[in-house]
Structures are given as C-alpha cells and as structure tokens.
Amino acid sequence: MAKGPKTGTKVADVRAKSADELGAMLLDLRKEQFNLRFQRATGQLEGVARVRQVRRDIARVKTIMAEKMRSAARA
C-alpha cells in the first residue's frame, strides 16, 4: 500500500481503524495542525515539512471516513 514519509500514516493502518478511532485520530491531527500553525506564527517552528504532512494525513483520514460512510449507506 501507499506510505507517507517516515512519521506519516500508512493507508492500510488508517483503513483498519473503526469510525470512532478515525474520529479521535482526526481530532488529534487537527490539534497538532493548530499547534504547528501557532508555532509558525510565533517563529518557533523548525520542522516545516510536518505542516504539509499533517495536512495530508487529515485529508487521508477524511477520505477514508467518507468512503466508509458511503459503503455503509449502500449496505
């Protein structure tokens, strides 16, 4: 399966999670995104690549959540 950078999430790992786990994961990623934005605004951010990685992880989780909702609606 597709794999992100070393600290990114694997798609297979995300797909294996339940809806509640995905929701919690999304919440954690959004909190991290907020903290990274705050650090960037105050000039304290060093690892700027992490901002992009978190944004993509959020998109990945939201996509898989939508896929699961669509497949549940069809069943």
PDB file of N, CA and C in Angstrom:
ATOM      1  N   MET A   1       0.830  -1.193   0.000  1.00  0.00           N
ATOM      2  CA  MET A   1       0.000   0.000   0.000  1.00  0.00           C
ATOM      3  C   MET A   1       0.874   1.256   0.000  1.00  0.00           C
ATOM      4  N   ALA A   2       0.232   2.378  -0.189  1.00  0.00           N
ATOM      5  CA  ALA A   2       0.942   3.651  -0.192  1.00  0.00           C
ATOM      6  C   ALA A   2       1.389   4.001   1.219  1.00  0.00           C
ATOM      7  N   LYS A   3       2.530   4.653   1.300  1.00  0.00           N
ATOM      8  CA  LYS A   3       3.070   5.022   2.602  1.00  0.00           C
ATOM      9  C   LYS A   3       3.615   6.436   2.527  1.00  0.00           C
ATOM     10  N   GLY A   4       3.323   7.215   3.561  1.00  0.00           N
ATOM     11  CA  GLY A   4       3.825   8.580   3.613  1.00  0.00           C
ATOM     12  C   GLY A   4       5.266   8.608   4.086  1.00  0.00           C
ATOM     13  N   PRO A   5       5.786   9.779   4.423  1.00  0.00           N
ATOM     14  CA  PRO A   5       7.128   9.881   4.985  1.00  0.00           C
ATOM     15  C   PRO A   5       7.243   9.090   6.280  1.00  0.00           C
ATOM     16  N   LYS A   6       8.425   9.014   6.829  1.00  0.00           N
ATOM     17  CA  LYS A   6       8.689   8.156   7.983  1.00  0.00           C
ATOM     18  C   LYS A   6       7.691   8.334   9.125  1.00  0.00           C
ATOM     19  N   THR A   7       7.260   9.559   9.393  1.00  0.00           N
ATOM     20  CA  THR A   7       6.331   9.784  10.505  1.00  0.00           C
ATOM     21  C   THR A   7       4.892   9.892  10.039  1.00  0.00           C
ATOM     22  N   GLY A   8       4.625   9.633   8.757  1.00  0.00           N
ATOM     23  CA  GLY A   8       3.269   9.707   8.226  1.00  0.00           C
ATOM     24  C   GLY A   8       2.479   8.453   8.574  1.00  0.00           C
ATOM     25  N   THR A   9       1.268   8.394   8.092  1.00  0.00           N
ATOM     26  CA  THR A   9       0.419   7.243   8.371  1.00  0.00           C
ATOM     27  C   THR A   9       0.299   6.379   7.135  1.00  0.00           C
ATOM     28  N   LYS A  10       0.279   5.079   7.352  1.00  0.00           N
ATOM     29  CA  LYS A  10       0.071   4.160   6.246  1.00  0.00           C
ATOM     30  C   LYS A  10      -1.429   4.067   5.983  1.00  0.00           C
ATOM     31  N   VAL A  11      -1.787   3.984   4.732  1.00  0.00           N
ATOM     32  CA  VAL A  11      -3.192   3.914   4.358  1.00  0.00           C
ATOM     33  C   VAL A  11      -3.830   2.658   4.939  1.00  0.00           C
ATOM     34  N   ALA A  12      -3.121   1.536   4.906  1.00  0.00           N
ATOM     35  CA  ALA A  12      -3.669   0.280   5.424  1.00  0.00           C
ATOM     36  C   ALA A  12      -3.969   0.396   6.920  1.00  0.00           C
ATOM     37  N   ASP A  13      -3.114   1.094   7.653  1.00  0.00           N
ATOM     38  CA  ASP A  13      -3.340   1.278   9.086  1.00  0.00           C
ATOM     39  C   ASP A  13      -4.582   2.125   9.335  1.00  0.00           C
ATOM     40  N   VAL A  14      -4.773   3.147   8.536  1.00  0.00           N
ATOM     41  CA  VAL A  14      -5.925   4.033   8.707  1.00  0.00           C
ATOM     42  C   VAL A  14      -7.211   3.295   8.342  1.00  0.00           C
ATOM     43  N   ARG A  15      -7.171   2.515   7.271  1.00  0.00           N
ATOM     44  CA  ARG A  15      -8.364   1.771   6.845  1.00  0.00           C
ATOM     45  C   ARG A  15      -8.788   0.729   7.878  1.00  0.00           C
ATOM     46  N   ALA A  16      -7.846   0.223   8.659  1.00  0.00           N
ATOM     47  CA  ALA A  16      -8.143  -0.814   9.643  1.00  0.00           C
ATOM     48  C   ALA A  16      -8.842  -0.259  10.884  1.00  0.00           C
ATOM     49  N   LYS A  17      -8.855   1.050  11.045  1.00  0.00           N
ATOM     50  CA  LYS A  17      -9.445   1.655  12.242  1.00  0.00           C
ATOM     51  C   LYS A  17     -10.962   1.758  12.123  1.00  0.00           C
ATOM     52  N   SER A  18     -11.610   1.775  13.282  1.00  0.00           N
ATOM     53  CA  SER A  18     -13.064   1.935  13.317  1.00  0.00           C
ATOM     54  C   SER A  18     -13.414   3.417  13.140  1.00  0.00           C
ATOM     55  N   ALA A  19     -14.699   3.696  13.005  1.00  0.00           N
ATOM     56  CA  ALA A  19     -15.149   5.080  12.816  1.00  0.00           C
ATOM     57  C   ALA A  19     -14.795   5.938  14.028  1.00  0.00           C
ATOM     58  N   ASP A  20     -14.939   5.374  15.238  1.00  0.00           N
ATOM     59  CA  ASP A  20     -14.597   6.134  16.448  1.00  0.00           C
ATOM     60  C   ASP A  20     -13.109   6.431  16.511  1.00  0.00           C
ATOM     61  N   GLU A  21     -12.299   5.446  16.137  1.00  0.00           N
ATOM     62  CA  GLU A  21     -10.849   5.638  16.146  1.00  0.00           C
ATOM     63  C   GLU A  21     -10.435   6.679  15.104  1.00  0.00           C
ATOM     64  N   LEU A  22     -11.094   6.653  13.952  1.00  0.00           N
ATOM     65  CA  LEU A  22     -10.797   7.655  12.927  1.00  0.00           C
ATOM     66  C   LEU A  22     -11.163   9.054  13.404  1.00  0.00           C
ATOM     67  N   GLY A  23     -12.289   9.169  14.100  1.00  0.00           N
ATOM     68  CA  GLY A  23     -12.687  10.463  14.644  1.00  0.00           C
ATOM     69  C   GLY A  23     -11.684  10.992  15.649  1.00  0.00           C
ATOM     70  N   ALA A  24     -11.196  10.111  16.509  1.00  0.00           N
ATOM     71  CA  ALA A  24     -10.192  10.505  17.504  1.00  0.00           C
ATOM     72  C   ALA A  24      -8.880  10.886  16.822  1.00  0.00           C
ATOM     73  N   MET A  25      -8.526  10.130  15.798  1.00  0.00           N
ATOM     74  CA  MET A  25      -7.298  10.415  15.057  1.00  0.00           C
ATOM     75  C   MET A  25      -7.390  11.772  14.367  1.00  0.00           C
ATOM     76  N   LEU A  26      -8.557  12.059  13.797  1.00  0.00           N
ATOM     77  CA  LEU A  26      -8.777  13.340  13.130  1.00  0.00           C
ATOM     78  C   LEU A  26      -8.673  14.497  14.124  1.00  0.00           C
ATOM     79  N   LEU A  27      -9.250  14.301  15.289  1.00  0.00           N
ATOM     80  CA  LEU A  27      -9.182  15.331  16.328  1.00  0.00           C
ATOM     81  C   LEU A  27      -7.733  15.594  16.745  1.00  0.00           C
ATOM     82  N   ASP A  28      -6.954  14.526  16.939  1.00  0.00           N
ATOM     83  CA  ASP A  28      -5.544  14.676  17.312  1.00  0.00           C
ATOM     84  C   ASP A  28      -4.751  15.392  16.224  1.00  0.00           C
ATOM     85  N   LEU A  29      -5.013  15.042  14.970  1.00  0.00           N
ATOM     86  CA  LEU A  29      -4.300  15.684  13.871  1.00  0.00           C
ATOM     87  C   LEU A  29      -4.663  17.162  13.770  1.00  0.00           C
ATOM     88  N   ARG A  30      -5.932  17.495  13.997  1.00  0.00           N
ATOM     89  CA  ARG A  30      -6.326  18.916  13.950  1.00  0.00           C
ATOM     90  C   ARG A  30      -5.697  19.713  15.085  1.00  0.00           C
ATOM     91  N   LYS A  31      -5.570  19.085  16.261  1.00  0.00           N
ATOM     92  CA  LYS A  31      -4.895  19.762  17.373  1.00  0.00           C
ATOM     93  C   LYS A  31      -3.427  20.002  17.036  1.00  0.00           C
ATOM     94  N   GLU A  32      -2.798  18.983  16.449  1.00  0.00           N
ATOM     95  CA  GLU A  32      -1.397  19.136  16.053  1.00  0.00           C
ATOM     96  C   GLU A  32      -1.260  20.217  14.993  1.00  0.00           C
ATOM     97  N   GLN A  33      -2.185  20.259  14.044  1.00  0.00           N
ATOM     98  CA  GLN A  33      -2.148  21.276  12.998  1.00  0.00           C
ATOM     99  C   GLN A  33      -2.265  22.674  13.603  1.00  0.00           C
ATOM    100  N   PHE A  34      -3.153  22.830  14.578  1.00  0.00           N
ATOM    101  CA  PHE A  34      -3.304  24.124  15.243  1.00  0.00           C
ATOM    102  C   PHE A  34      -2.001  24.523  15.932  1.00  0.00           C
ATOM    103  N   ASN A  35      -1.399  23.571  16.658  1.00  0.00           N
ATOM    104  CA  ASN A  35      -0.147  23.870  17.361  1.00  0.00           C
ATOM    105  C   ASN A  35       0.970  24.235  16.387  1.00  0.00           C
ATOM    106  N   LEU A  36       1.037  23.539  15.246  1.00  0.00           N
ATOM    107  CA  LEU A  36       2.061  23.857  14.254  1.00  0.00           C
ATOM    108  C   LEU A  36       1.840  25.232  13.654  1.00  0.00           C
ATOM    109  N   ARG A  37       0.575  25.588  13.390  1.00  0.00           N
ATOM    110  CA  ARG A  37       0.282  26.923  12.859  1.00  0.00           C
ATOM    111  C   ARG A  37       0.670  27.994  13.873  1.00  0.00           C
ATOM    112  N   PHE A  38       0.391  27.727  15.126  1.00  0.00           N
ATOM    113  CA  PHE A  38       0.728  28.672  16.183  1.00  0.00           C
ATOM    114  C   PHE A  38       2.242  28.844  16.279  1.00  0.00           C
ATOM    115  N   GLN A  39       2.973  27.740  16.220  1.00  0.00           N
ATOM    116  CA  GLN A  39       4.438  27.805  16.285  1.00  0.00           C
ATOM    117  C   GLN A  39       5.006  28.562  15.085  1.00  0.00           C
ATOM    118  N   ARG A  40       4.396  28.334  13.898  1.00  0.00           N
ATOM    119  CA  ARG A  40       4.883  29.031  12.703  1.00  0.00           C
ATOM    120  C   ARG A  40       4.648  30.536  12.830  1.00  0.00           C
ATOM    121  N   ALA A  41       3.510  30.915  13.390  1.00  0.00           N
ATOM    122  CA  ALA A  41       3.182  32.337  13.522  1.00  0.00           C
ATOM    123  C   ALA A  41       4.108  33.035  14.520  1.00  0.00           C
ATOM    124  N   THR A  42       4.558  32.305  15.536  1.00  0.00           N
ATOM    125  CA  THR A  42       5.431  32.918  16.538  1.00  0.00           C
ATOM    126  C   THR A  42       6.908  32.711  16.223  1.00  0.00           C
ATOM    127  N   GLY A  43       7.209  32.072  15.084  1.00  0.00           N
ATOM    128  CA  GLY A  43       8.598  31.883  14.683  1.00  0.00           C
ATOM    129  C   GLY A  43       9.310  30.761  15.398  1.00  0.00           C
ATOM    130  N   GLN A  44       8.594  29.851  16.022  1.00  0.00           N
ATOM    131  CA  GLN A  44       9.213  28.766  16.771  1.00  0.00           C
ATOM    132  C   GLN A  44       9.249  27.449  16.001  1.00  0.00           C
ATOM    133  N   LEU A  45       8.649  27.402  14.830  1.00  0.00           N
ATOM    134  CA  LEU A  45       8.549  26.155  14.077  1.00  0.00           C
ATOM    135  C   LEU A  45       9.863  25.870  13.358  1.00  0.00           C
ATOM    136  N   GLU A  46      10.391  24.664  13.551  1.00  0.00           N
ATOM    137  CA  GLU A  46      11.629  24.275  12.881  1.00  0.00           C
ATOM    138  C   GLU A  46      11.359  23.273  11.767  1.00  0.00           C
ATOM    139  N   GLY A  47      10.540  22.266  12.030  1.00  0.00           N
ATOM    140  CA  GLY A  47      10.266  21.246  11.029  1.00  0.00           C
ATOM    141  C   GLY A  47       9.081  21.625  10.165  1.00  0.00           C
ATOM    142  N   VAL A  48       9.297  22.473   9.169  1.00  0.00           N
ATOM    143  CA  VAL A  48       8.188  22.981   8.363  1.00  0.00           C
ATOM    144  C   VAL A  48       7.543  21.894   7.516  1.00  0.00           C
ATOM    145  N   ALA A  49       8.219  20.806   7.246  1.00  0.00           N
ATOM    146  CA  ALA A  49       7.649  19.721   6.444  1.00  0.00           C
ATOM    147  C   ALA A  49       6.513  19.031   7.179  1.00  0.00           C
ATOM    148  N   ARG A  50       6.526  19.095   8.490  1.00  0.00           N
ATOM    149  CA  ARG A  50       5.478  18.435   9.286  1.00  0.00           C
ATOM    150  C   ARG A  50       4.110  19.069   9.033  1.00  0.00           C
ATOM    151  N   VAL A  51       4.072  20.370   8.729  1.00  0.00           N
ATOM    152  CA  VAL A  51       2.807  21.062   8.446  1.00  0.00           C
ATOM    153  C   VAL A  51       2.131  20.399   7.247  1.00  0.00           C
ATOM    154  N   ARG A  52       2.883  20.183   6.200  1.00  0.00           N
ATOM    155  CA  ARG A  52       2.352  19.565   4.982  1.00  0.00           C
ATOM    156  C   ARG A  52       1.925  18.126   5.239  1.00  0.00           C
ATOM    157  N   GLN A  53       2.726  17.426   6.004  1.00  0.00           N
ATOM    158  CA  GLN A  53       2.442  16.029   6.309  1.00  0.00           C
ATOM    159  C   GLN A  53       1.157  15.878   7.119  1.00  0.00           C
ATOM    160  N   VAL A  54       0.959  16.728   8.105  1.00  0.00           N
ATOM    161  CA  VAL A  54      -0.255  16.677   8.924  1.00  0.00           C
ATOM    162  C   VAL A  54      -1.472  17.018   8.079  1.00  0.00           C
ATOM    163  N   ARG A  55      -1.334  18.007   7.202  1.00  0.00           N
ATOM    164  CA  ARG A  55      -2.443  18.382   6.332  1.00  0.00           C
ATOM    165  C   ARG A  55      -2.848  17.204   5.445  1.00  0.00           C
ATOM    166  N   ARG A  56      -1.879  16.493   4.931  1.00  0.00           N
ATOM    167  CA  ARG A  56      -2.178  15.338   4.078  1.00  0.00           C
ATOM    168  C   ARG A  56      -2.760  14.181   4.879  1.00  0.00           C
ATOM    169  N   ASP A  57      -2.281  14.000   6.104  1.00  0.00           N
ATOM    170  CA  ASP A  57      -2.841  12.948   6.958  1.00  0.00           C
ATOM    171  C   ASP A  57      -4.306  13.241   7.275  1.00  0.00           C
ATOM    172  N   ILE A  58      -4.638  14.515   7.510  1.00  0.00           N
ATOM    173  CA  ILE A  58      -6.029  14.902   7.761  1.00  0.00           C
ATOM    174  C   ILE A  58      -6.882  14.573   6.535  1.00  0.00           C
ATOM    175  N   ALA A  59      -6.387  14.906   5.360  1.00  0.00           N
ATOM    176  CA  ALA A  59      -7.127  14.617   4.132  1.00  0.00           C
ATOM    177  C   ALA A  59      -7.305  13.112   3.956  1.00  0.00           C
ATOM    178  N   ARG A  60      -6.272  12.342   4.283  1.00  0.00           N
ATOM    179  CA  ARG A  60      -6.336  10.890   4.160  1.00  0.00           C
ATOM    180  C   ARG A  60      -7.403  10.316   5.081  1.00  0.00           C
ATOM    181  N   VAL A  61      -7.439  10.769   6.316  1.00  0.00           N
ATOM    182  CA  VAL A  61      -8.416  10.268   7.284  1.00  0.00           C
ATOM    183  C   VAL A  61      -9.831  10.655   6.852  1.00  0.00           C
ATOM    184  N   LYS A  62     -10.016  11.902   6.419  1.00  0.00           N
ATOM    185  CA  LYS A  62     -11.349  12.349   5.996  1.00  0.00           C
ATOM    186  C   LYS A  62     -11.829  11.571   4.773  1.00  0.00           C
ATOM    187  N   THR A  63     -10.929  11.259   3.853  1.00  0.00           N
ATOM    188  CA  THR A  63     -11.289  10.492   2.668  1.00  0.00           C
ATOM    189  C   THR A  63     -11.745   9.099   3.049  1.00  0.00           C
ATOM    190  N   ILE A  64     -11.014   8.457   3.929  1.00  0.00           N
ATOM    191  CA  ILE A  64     -11.365   7.091   4.334  1.00  0.00           C
ATOM    192  C   ILE A  64     -12.660   7.087   5.142  1.00  0.00           C
ATOM    193  N   MET A  65     -12.872   8.112   5.951  1.00  0.00           N
ATOM    194  CA  MET A  65     -14.139   8.217   6.689  1.00  0.00           C
ATOM    195  C   MET A  65     -15.313   8.339   5.711  1.00  0.00           C
ATOM    196  N   ALA A  66     -15.151   9.138   4.676  1.00  0.00           N
ATOM    197  CA  ALA A  66     -16.210   9.313   3.679  1.00  0.00           C
ATOM    198  C   ALA A  66     -16.461   8.012   2.918  1.00  0.00           C
ATOM    199  N   GLU A  67     -15.394   7.292   2.600  1.00  0.00           N
ATOM    200  CA  GLU A  67     -15.549   6.003   1.904  1.00  0.00           C
ATOM    201  C   GLU A  67     -16.333   5.025   2.768  1.00  0.00           C
ATOM    202  N   LYS A  68     -16.013   4.985   4.057  1.00  0.00           N
ATOM    203  CA  LYS A  68     -16.710   4.065   4.960  1.00  0.00           C
ATOM    204  C   LYS A  68     -18.180   4.442   5.104  1.00  0.00           C
ATOM    205  N   MET A  69     -18.466   5.742   5.150  1.00  0.00           N
ATOM    206  CA  MET A  69     -19.858   6.180   5.258  1.00  0.00           C
ATOM    207  C   MET A  69     -20.638   5.803   3.982  1.00  0.00           C
ATOM    208  N   ARG A  70     -20.001   5.987   2.830  1.00  0.00           N
ATOM    209  CA  ARG A  70     -20.644   5.646   1.567  1.00  0.00           C
ATOM    210  C   ARG A  70     -20.924   4.152   1.471  1.00  0.00           C
ATOM    211  N   SER A  71     -19.960   3.345   1.879  1.00  0.00           N
ATOM    212  CA  SER A  71     -20.167   1.898   1.794  1.00  0.00           C
ATOM    213  C   SER A  71     -21.201   1.438   2.810  1.00  0.00           C
ATOM    214  N   ALA A  72     -21.296   2.088   3.962  1.00  0.00           N
ATOM    215  CA  ALA A  72     -22.308   1.737   4.955  1.00  0.00           C
ATOM    216  C   ALA A  72     -23.707   2.125   4.470  1.00  0.00           C
ATOM    217  N   ALA A  73     -23.792   3.213   3.730  1.00  0.00           N
ATOM    218  CA  ALA A  73     -25.095   3.660   3.222  1.00  0.00           C
ATOM    219  C   ALA A  73     -25.599   2.721   2.135  1.00  0.00           C
ATOM    220  N   ARG A  74     -24.711   2.129   1.390  1.00  0.00           N
ATOM    221  CA  ARG A  74     -25.107   1.197   0.332  1.00  0.00           C
ATOM    222  C   ARG A  74     -25.527  -0.150   0.886  1.00  0.00           C
ATOM    223  N   ALA A  75     -24.942  -0.539   1.996  1.00  0.00           N
ATOM    224  CA  ALA A  75     -25.221  -1.875   2.553  1.00  0.00           C
ATOM    225  C   ALA A  75     -26.554  -1.947   3.268  1.00  0.00           C
TER     226      ALA A  75
END
